[in-house]
C-alpha atoms as a PDB file:
ATOM      1  CA  UNK A   1      -2.477 -19.698 -12.828  1.00  0.00           C
ATOM      2  CA  UNK A   2       0.061 -16.910 -12.936  1.00  0.00           C
ATOM      3  CA  UNK A   3       1.465 -15.530  -9.715  1.00  0.00           C
ATOM      4  CA  UNK A   4       1.609 -12.009 -11.181  1.00  0.00           C
ATOM      5  CA  UNK A   5      -0.754  -9.593 -12.803  1.00  0.00           C
ATOM      6  CA  UNK A   6      -0.264  -6.448 -14.838  1.00  0.00           C
ATOM      7  CA  UNK A   7      -2.300  -3.722 -13.200  1.00  0.00           C
ATOM      8  CA  UNK A   8      -2.905   0.033 -13.483  1.00  0.00           C
ATOM      9  CA  UNK A   9      -2.319   2.066 -10.358  1.00  0.00           C
ATOM     10  CA  UNK A  10      -5.523   3.709  -9.156  1.00  0.00           C
ATOM     11  CA  UNK A  11      -6.961   5.761  -6.261  1.00  0.00           C
ATOM     12  CA  UNK A  12      -8.611   4.064  -3.310  1.00  0.00           C
ATOM     13  CA  UNK A  13     -12.372   3.642  -3.617  1.00  0.00           C
ATOM     14  CA  UNK A  14     -12.817   5.202  -0.113  1.00  0.00           C
ATOM     15  CA  UNK A  15     -10.521   7.608   1.762  1.00  0.00           C
ATOM     16  CA  UNK A  16     -10.968   5.698   5.021  1.00  0.00           C
ATOM     17  CA  UNK A  17      -9.047   2.774   3.448  1.00  0.00           C
ATOM     18  CA  UNK A  18      -5.867   4.873   3.391  1.00  0.00           C
ATOM     19  CA  UNK A  19      -5.121   3.976   7.002  1.00  0.00           C
ATOM     20  CA  UNK A  20      -4.932   0.187   6.340  1.00  0.00           C
ATOM     21  CA  UNK A  21      -1.702   0.376   4.283  1.00  0.00           C
ATOM     22  CA  UNK A  22      -3.316  -2.288   2.099  1.00  0.00           C
ATOM     23  CA  UNK A  23      -3.584  -2.293  -1.677  1.00  0.00           C
ATOM     24  CA  UNK A  24      -7.037  -3.119  -2.973  1.00  0.00           C
ATOM     25  CA  UNK A  25      -7.821  -5.321  -5.922  1.00  0.00           C
ATOM     26  CA  UNK A  26     -10.961  -6.373  -7.798  1.00  0.00           C
ATOM     27  CA  UNK A  27     -12.273  -9.485  -5.982  1.00  0.00           C
ATOM     28  CA  UNK A  28     -11.743 -11.694  -9.083  1.00  0.00           C
ATOM     29  CA  UNK A  29      -8.117 -10.547  -9.461  1.00  0.00           C
ATOM     30  CA  UNK A  30      -7.572 -11.049  -5.708  1.00  0.00           C
ATOM     31  CA  UNK A  31      -9.024 -14.561  -5.880  1.00  0.00           C
ATOM     32  CA  UNK A  32      -6.947 -15.465  -8.920  1.00  0.00           C
ATOM     33  CA  UNK A  33      -3.662 -14.329  -7.304  1.00  0.00           C
ATOM     34  CA  UNK A  34      -4.626 -15.850  -3.924  1.00  0.00           C
ATOM     35  CA  UNK A  35      -5.097 -19.257  -5.583  1.00  0.00           C
ATOM     36  CA  UNK A  36      -1.384 -19.276  -6.421  1.00  0.00           C
ATOM     37  CA  UNK A  37      -0.305 -19.088  -2.779  1.00  0.00           C
ATOM     38  CA  UNK A  38       1.045 -22.366  -1.466  1.00  0.00           C
ATOM     39  CA  UNK A  39      -1.341 -23.851   1.023  1.00  0.00           C
ATOM     40  CA  UNK A  40      -0.064 -24.659   4.525  1.00  0.00           C
ATOM     41  CA  UNK A  41       1.351 -28.186   4.760  1.00  0.00           C
ATOM     42  CA  UNK A  42      -0.377 -28.511   8.139  1.00  0.00           C
ATOM     43  CA  UNK A  43      -4.155 -28.835   7.648  1.00  0.00           C
ATOM     44  CA  UNK A  44      -4.616 -28.240  11.417  1.00  0.00           C
ATOM     45  CA  UNK A  45      -2.840 -24.874  11.194  1.00  0.00           C
ATOM     46  CA  UNK A  46      -4.622 -22.266  13.313  1.00  0.00           C
ATOM     47  CA  UNK A  47      -3.094 -19.429  11.335  1.00  0.00           C
ATOM     48  CA  UNK A  48      -6.023 -19.327   8.934  1.00  0.00           C
ATOM     49  CA  UNK A  49      -5.637 -18.492   5.271  1.00  0.00           C
ATOM     50  CA  UNK A  50      -2.369 -16.978   4.064  1.00  0.00           C
ATOM     51  CA  UNK A  51      -2.693 -13.241   3.411  1.00  0.00           C
ATOM     52  CA  UNK A  52      -2.102 -12.130  -0.145  1.00  0.00           C
ATOM     53  CA  UNK A  53       1.124 -10.107  -0.256  1.00  0.00           C
ATOM     54  CA  UNK A  54       2.105  -8.361  -3.479  1.00  0.00           C
ATOM     55  CA  UNK A  55       5.430  -6.931  -4.574  1.00  0.00           C
ATOM     56  CA  UNK A  56       4.545  -3.682  -6.359  1.00  0.00           C
ATOM     57  CA  UNK A  57       7.347  -1.324  -7.211  1.00  0.00           C
ATOM     58  CA  UNK A  58       9.897  -1.296  -4.397  1.00  0.00           C
ATOM     59  CA  UNK A  59       7.647  -2.543  -1.650  1.00  0.00           C
ATOM     60  CA  UNK A  60       5.499  -5.487  -0.560  1.00  0.00           C
ATOM     61  CA  UNK A  61       1.869  -4.650   0.282  1.00  0.00           C
ATOM     62  CA  UNK A  62      -0.956  -6.620   1.861  1.00  0.00           C
ATOM     63  CA  UNK A  63      -3.646  -6.944  -0.833  1.00  0.00           C
ATOM     64  CA  UNK A  64      -7.345  -7.069  -0.023  1.00  0.00           C
ATOM     65  CA  UNK A  65     -10.387  -7.463  -2.268  1.00  0.00           C
ATOM     66  CA  UNK A  66     -12.808  -4.554  -2.768  1.00  0.00           C
ATOM     67  CA  UNK A  67     -15.888  -4.683  -4.983  1.00  0.00           C
ATOM     68  CA  UNK A  68     -15.449  -1.056  -6.119  1.00  0.00           C
ATOM     69  CA  UNK A  69     -12.043  -1.687  -7.692  1.00  0.00           C
ATOM     70  CA  UNK A  70     -12.095  -2.330 -11.465  1.00  0.00           C
ATOM     71  CA  UNK A  71     -10.409  -5.431 -12.866  1.00  0.00           C
ATOM     72  CA  UNK A  72      -6.657  -5.165 -13.433  1.00  0.00           C
ATOM     73  CA  UNK A  73      -6.368  -2.167 -11.112  1.00  0.00           C
ATOM     74  CA  UNK A  74      -4.433  -1.789  -7.884  1.00  0.00           C
ATOM     75  CA  UNK A  75      -5.997   0.861  -5.658  1.00  0.00           C
ATOM     76  CA  UNK A  76      -3.369   2.604  -3.493  1.00  0.00           C
ATOM     77  CA  UNK A  77      -3.251   5.622  -1.247  1.00  0.00           C
ATOM     78  CA  UNK A  78      -1.177   8.688  -2.105  1.00  0.00           C
ATOM     79  CA  UNK A  79       1.617   7.898   0.389  1.00  0.00           C
ATOM     80  CA  UNK A  80       1.978   4.368  -1.033  1.00  0.00           C
ATOM     81  CA  UNK A  81       2.201   5.724  -4.577  1.00  0.00           C
ATOM     82  CA  UNK A  82       4.628   8.460  -3.586  1.00  0.00           C
ATOM     83  CA  UNK A  83       6.833   6.109  -1.553  1.00  0.00           C
ATOM     84  CA  UNK A  84       6.974   3.506  -4.395  1.00  0.00           C
ATOM     85  CA  UNK A  85       7.452   6.236  -7.048  1.00  0.00           C
ATOM     86  CA  UNK A  86       4.264   5.314  -8.832  1.00  0.00           C
ATOM     87  CA  UNK A  87       1.763   7.519 -10.622  1.00  0.00           C
ATOM     88  CA  UNK A  88      -1.963   7.107 -11.283  1.00  0.00           C
ATOM     89  CA  UNK A  89      -2.678   4.924 -14.334  1.00  0.00           C
ATOM     90  CA  UNK A  90       0.898   3.656 -14.432  1.00  0.00           C
ATOM     91  CA  UNK A  91       1.028   0.046 -15.450  1.00  0.00           C
ATOM     92  CA  UNK A  92       2.986  -2.139 -13.014  1.00  0.00           C
ATOM     93  CA  UNK A  93       3.439  -5.802 -12.292  1.00  0.00           C
ATOM     94  CA  UNK A  94       1.917  -7.036  -9.051  1.00  0.00           C
ATOM     95  CA  UNK A  95       3.764 -10.265  -8.114  1.00  0.00           C
ATOM     96  CA  UNK A  96       2.777 -12.608  -5.314  1.00  0.00           C
ATOM     97  CA  UNK A  97       5.349 -12.402  -2.496  1.00  0.00           C
ATOM     98  CA  UNK A  98       5.829 -15.456  -0.332  1.00  0.00           C
ATOM     99  CA  UNK A  99       7.424 -14.522   2.997  1.00  0.00           C
ATOM    100  CA  UNK A 100       9.881 -16.831   4.737  1.00  0.00           C
ATOM    101  CA  UNK A 101      10.617 -17.090   8.459  1.00  0.00           C
ATOM    102  CA  UNK A 102      13.789 -15.010   7.913  1.00  0.00           C
ATOM    103  CA  UNK A 103      11.795 -12.154   6.366  1.00  0.00           C
ATOM    104  CA  UNK A 104       9.892 -11.559   9.671  1.00  0.00           C
ATOM    105  CA  UNK A 105      10.728  -8.217  11.244  1.00  0.00           C
ATOM    106  CA  UNK A 106      12.648  -8.462  14.495  1.00  0.00           C
ATOM    107  CA  UNK A 107      12.865  -4.744  15.170  1.00  0.00           C
ATOM    108  CA  UNK A 108      12.185  -1.441  13.498  1.00  0.00           C
ATOM    109  CA  UNK A 109      12.568   2.255  14.090  1.00  0.00           C
ATOM    110  CA  UNK A 110       9.843   4.711  13.103  1.00  0.00           C
ATOM    111  CA  UNK A 111       9.611   8.420  12.905  1.00  0.00           C
ATOM    112  CA  UNK A 112       6.149   9.816  13.649  1.00  0.00           C
ATOM    113  CA  UNK A 113       4.679  13.033  12.262  1.00  0.00           C
ATOM    114  CA  UNK A 114       1.226  14.453  11.712  1.00  0.00           C
ATOM    115  CA  UNK A 115      -0.229  13.926   8.260  1.00  0.00           C
ATOM    116  CA  UNK A 116      -1.917  17.339   8.425  1.00  0.00           C
ATOM    117  CA  UNK A 117      -0.324  20.207  10.289  1.00  0.00           C
ATOM    118  CA  UNK A 118      -3.267  22.580   9.982  1.00  0.00           C
ATOM    119  CA  UNK A 119      -3.269  23.685  13.650  1.00  0.00           C
ATOM    120  CA  UNK A 120       0.039  25.321  14.363  1.00  0.00           C
ATOM    121  CA  UNK A 121       0.989  25.529  17.999  1.00  0.00           C
ATOM    122  CA  UNK A 122      -1.200  22.688  19.219  1.00  0.00           C
ATOM    123  CA  UNK A 123       1.044  19.742  20.066  1.00  0.00           C
ATOM    124  CA  UNK A 124      -0.357  16.226  19.919  1.00  0.00           C
ATOM    125  CA  UNK A 125       0.573  13.909  22.754  1.00  0.00           C
ATOM    126  CA  UNK A 126       1.145  10.308  21.754  1.00  0.00           C
ATOM    127  CA  UNK A 127       1.561   7.431  24.184  1.00  0.00           C
ATOM    128  CA  UNK A 128       4.346   5.591  22.420  1.00  0.00           C
ATOM    129  CA  UNK A 129       3.640   2.299  24.207  1.00  0.00           C
ATOM    130  CA  UNK A 130       0.034   2.386  23.018  1.00  0.00           C
ATOM    131  CA  UNK A 131       1.167   3.406  19.529  1.00  0.00           C
ATOM    132  CA  UNK A 132       3.629   0.511  19.387  1.00  0.00           C
ATOM    133  CA  UNK A 133       0.946  -1.999  20.438  1.00  0.00           C
ATOM    134  CA  UNK A 134      -1.570  -0.631  17.930  1.00  0.00           C
ATOM    135  CA  UNK A 135       1.062  -0.634  15.243  1.00  0.00           C
ATOM    136  CA  UNK A 136       1.973  -4.273  15.873  1.00  0.00           C
ATOM    137  CA  UNK A 137      -1.698  -5.332  15.956  1.00  0.00           C
ATOM    138  CA  UNK A 138      -2.666  -3.351  12.828  1.00  0.00           C
ATOM    139  CA  UNK A 139       0.317  -4.255  10.609  1.00  0.00           C
ATOM    140  CA  UNK A 140       1.100  -7.780  11.837  1.00  0.00           C
ATOM    141  CA  UNK A 141       0.442  -9.321   8.410  1.00  0.00           C
ATOM    142  CA  UNK A 142       2.323  -6.675   6.483  1.00  0.00           C
ATOM    143  CA  UNK A 143       5.860  -6.955   5.160  1.00  0.00           C
ATOM    144  CA  UNK A 144       7.537  -3.618   5.866  1.00  0.00           C
ATOM    145  CA  UNK A 145      10.798  -2.135   4.638  1.00  0.00           C
ATOM    146  CA  UNK A 146      13.129   0.733   5.473  1.00  0.00           C
ATOM    147  CA  UNK A 147      12.012   4.045   3.945  1.00  0.00           C
ATOM    148  CA  UNK A 148       8.401   2.901   3.702  1.00  0.00           C
ATOM    149  CA  UNK A 149       5.815   5.502   4.667  1.00  0.00           C
ATOM    150  CA  UNK A 150       2.481   4.534   6.246  1.00  0.00           C
ATOM    151  CA  UNK A 151      -0.618   6.555   7.119  1.00  0.00           C
ATOM    152  CA  UNK A 152      -2.154   5.579  10.466  1.00  0.00           C
ATOM    153  CA  UNK A 153      -5.176   6.704  12.410  1.00  0.00           C
ATOM    154  CA  UNK A 154      -4.154   6.660  16.056  1.00  0.00           C
ATOM    155  CA  UNK A 155      -6.888   7.679  18.459  1.00  0.00           C
ATOM    156  CA  UNK A 156      -8.224  10.234  15.991  1.00  0.00           C
ATOM    157  CA  UNK A 157      -4.803  11.660  15.116  1.00  0.00           C
ATOM    158  CA  UNK A 158      -3.827  11.067  11.486  1.00  0.00           C
ATOM    159  CA  UNK A 159      -0.154  10.090  11.578  1.00  0.00           C
ATOM    160  CA  UNK A 160       2.549   9.703   8.971  1.00  0.00           C
ATOM    161  CA  UNK A 161       4.886   6.885  10.023  1.00  0.00           C
ATOM    162  CA  UNK A 162       8.236   6.520   8.276  1.00  0.00           C
ATOM    163  CA  UNK A 163      10.153   3.329   8.804  1.00  0.00           C
ATOM    164  CA  UNK A 164      13.702   4.582   9.203  1.00  0.00           C
ATOM    165  CA  UNK A 165      15.137   1.100   9.734  1.00  0.00           C
ATOM    166  CA  UNK A 166      13.809  -2.447   9.666  1.00  0.00           C
ATOM    167  CA  UNK A 167      15.808  -5.447  10.861  1.00  0.00           C
ATOM    168  CA  UNK A 168      14.537  -8.870   9.946  1.00  0.00           C
ATOM    169  CA  UNK A 169      15.408 -12.300  11.249  1.00  0.00           C
ATOM    170  CA  UNK A 170      17.387 -13.035   8.048  1.00  0.00           C
ATOM    171  CA  UNK A 171      19.694 -10.058   8.579  1.00  0.00           C
ATOM    172  CA  UNK A 172      20.280 -11.171  12.193  1.00  0.00           C
ATOM    173  CA  UNK A 173      21.099 -14.727  11.063  1.00  0.00           C
ATOM    174  CA  UNK A 174      23.650 -13.487   8.528  1.00  0.00           C
ATOM    175  CA  UNK A 175      25.169 -11.008  11.034  1.00  0.00           C
ATOM    176  CA  UNK A 176      25.608 -13.769  13.658  1.00  0.00           C
ATOM    177  CA  UNK A 177      27.137 -16.093  11.053  1.00  0.00           C
ATOM    178  CA  UNK A 178      29.681 -13.408  10.149  1.00  0.00           C
ATOM    179  CA  UNK A 179      30.503 -12.507  13.782  1.00  0.00           C
END
């Protein structure tokens, strides 16, 4: 089994999926790539199955199966395509990404904006503590990077989140080794 697949970039099968920040694959392609993920050495692990993470373009995305996606297609939202400099029908390699403990995010800085600014003059109030909690819960299995842009539905407000900086445990380890 190969741990990569050549796919064409496609639109999402449903607009509501845009707020997951996931990439969607045909279930057979998803299953094939998932089978290459190393199984946990601990059979009693309570973490459940490993999520399928794919390196596509410059970013790593959580990949989920969707029956409406054609084989050898990667369905992405517009922000994902724009951020990764991809176009519709572009052929790319989707490679399985295996995270390590040092790739876990330890801190990040986000800028928040509205996706649609159709109502000028009506400010949207956002409870940043609630936003932070929802962000952590929603994107816990994702691997995020600086300059990545994410669409998020927060209490009915459609937000554009830009990760302005991401620190991971690996960068902290190397910084402490140098200092």
